[in-house]
């Protein structure tokens, strides 16, 4: 009985090892695909985000900074 138990554990460990090995390959393939799509889509995505944020950034005023030019040494 103990021999069968060890065999079952060994098979489970082997299966888990293989799943992890293939998952790593799948993750690498997914990451490659994401990087490839990001290369094409990132430029237009960031342009869209930038265009959306521009009006908001123009209306936000930080007290003490936006109302006057930057002063490094105040006396």
Protein backbone atom coordinates (compact mmCIF):
# COMPACT_ATOMS: atom_id res chain seq x y z
CA UNK A 1 0.00 0.00 0.00
CA UNK A 2 2.81 2.40 0.86
CA UNK A 3 4.44 1.68 -2.50
CA UNK A 4 1.28 2.64 -4.37
CA UNK A 5 0.98 5.79 -2.30
CA UNK A 6 4.53 6.83 -3.21
CA UNK A 7 3.86 6.02 -6.86
CA UNK A 8 0.72 8.17 -6.88
CA UNK A 9 2.61 11.05 -5.25
CA UNK A 10 5.40 10.71 -7.80
CA UNK A 11 2.90 10.79 -10.67
CA UNK A 12 1.17 13.85 -9.21
CA UNK A 13 4.51 15.59 -8.76
CA UNK A 14 5.49 14.73 -12.34
CA UNK A 15 2.16 16.04 -13.65
CA UNK A 16 2.49 19.27 -11.67
CA UNK A 17 6.05 19.69 -12.95
CA UNK A 18 4.91 19.29 -16.54
CA UNK A 19 2.00 21.69 -16.08
CA UNK A 20 4.35 24.30 -14.64
CA UNK A 21 6.82 23.74 -17.47
CA UNK A 22 4.12 24.19 -20.12
CA UNK A 23 2.57 27.11 -18.25
CA UNK A 24 5.93 28.83 -18.37
CA UNK A 25 6.07 28.33 -22.14
CA UNK A 26 2.49 29.60 -22.49
CA UNK A 27 3.29 32.64 -20.36
CA UNK A 28 6.36 33.39 -22.46
CA UNK A 29 4.27 33.13 -25.63
CA UNK A 30 1.58 35.36 -24.15
CA UNK A 31 4.15 37.90 -23.01
CA UNK A 32 5.68 37.91 -26.48
CA UNK A 33 2.27 38.48 -28.04
CA UNK A 34 1.48 41.26 -25.56
CA UNK A 35 4.80 42.95 -26.28
CA UNK A 36 4.20 42.65 -30.02
CA UNK A 37 0.70 44.13 -29.73
CA UNK A 38 1.97 46.81 -27.36
CA UNK A 39 4.53 47.86 -29.95
CA UNK A 40 1.72 48.60 -32.38
CA UNK A 41 -1.01 49.72 -29.98
CA UNK A 42 0.91 51.58 -27.30
CA UNK A 43 1.56 54.67 -29.42
CA UNK A 44 -2.07 55.24 -30.31
CA UNK A 45 -3.18 54.25 -26.80
CA UNK A 46 -0.88 56.76 -25.12
CA UNK A 47 -1.82 59.44 -27.65
CA UNK A 48 -5.48 58.87 -26.79
CA UNK A 49 -4.80 58.99 -23.06
CA UNK A 50 -2.67 62.11 -23.48
CA UNK A 51 -5.41 63.83 -25.49
CA UNK A 52 -7.95 62.91 -22.84
CA UNK A 53 -5.78 64.15 -19.98
CA UNK A 54 -4.65 67.41 -21.59
CA UNK A 55 -7.84 69.40 -20.81
CA UNK A 56 -7.92 68.04 -17.25
CA UNK A 57 -4.27 68.91 -16.68
CA UNK A 58 -4.90 72.46 -17.95
CA UNK A 59 -7.72 73.03 -15.45
CA UNK A 60 -5.92 71.61 -12.41
CA UNK A 61 -4.04 74.29 -10.47
CA UNK A 62 -1.81 73.45 -7.56
CA UNK A 63 -1.90 76.23 -4.98
CA UNK A 64 1.38 78.10 -4.86
CA UNK A 65 2.72 76.62 -8.11
CA UNK A 66 0.35 77.30 -11.00
CA UNK A 67 -0.44 80.89 -10.04
CA UNK A 68 3.16 82.01 -10.17
CA UNK A 69 6.43 81.01 -11.82
CA UNK A 70 8.58 78.51 -9.99
CA UNK A 71 10.63 80.22 -7.29
CA UNK A 72 13.49 78.17 -5.96
CA UNK A 73 14.64 80.49 -3.15
CA UNK A 74 11.96 82.30 -1.21
CA UNK A 75 12.99 84.89 1.36
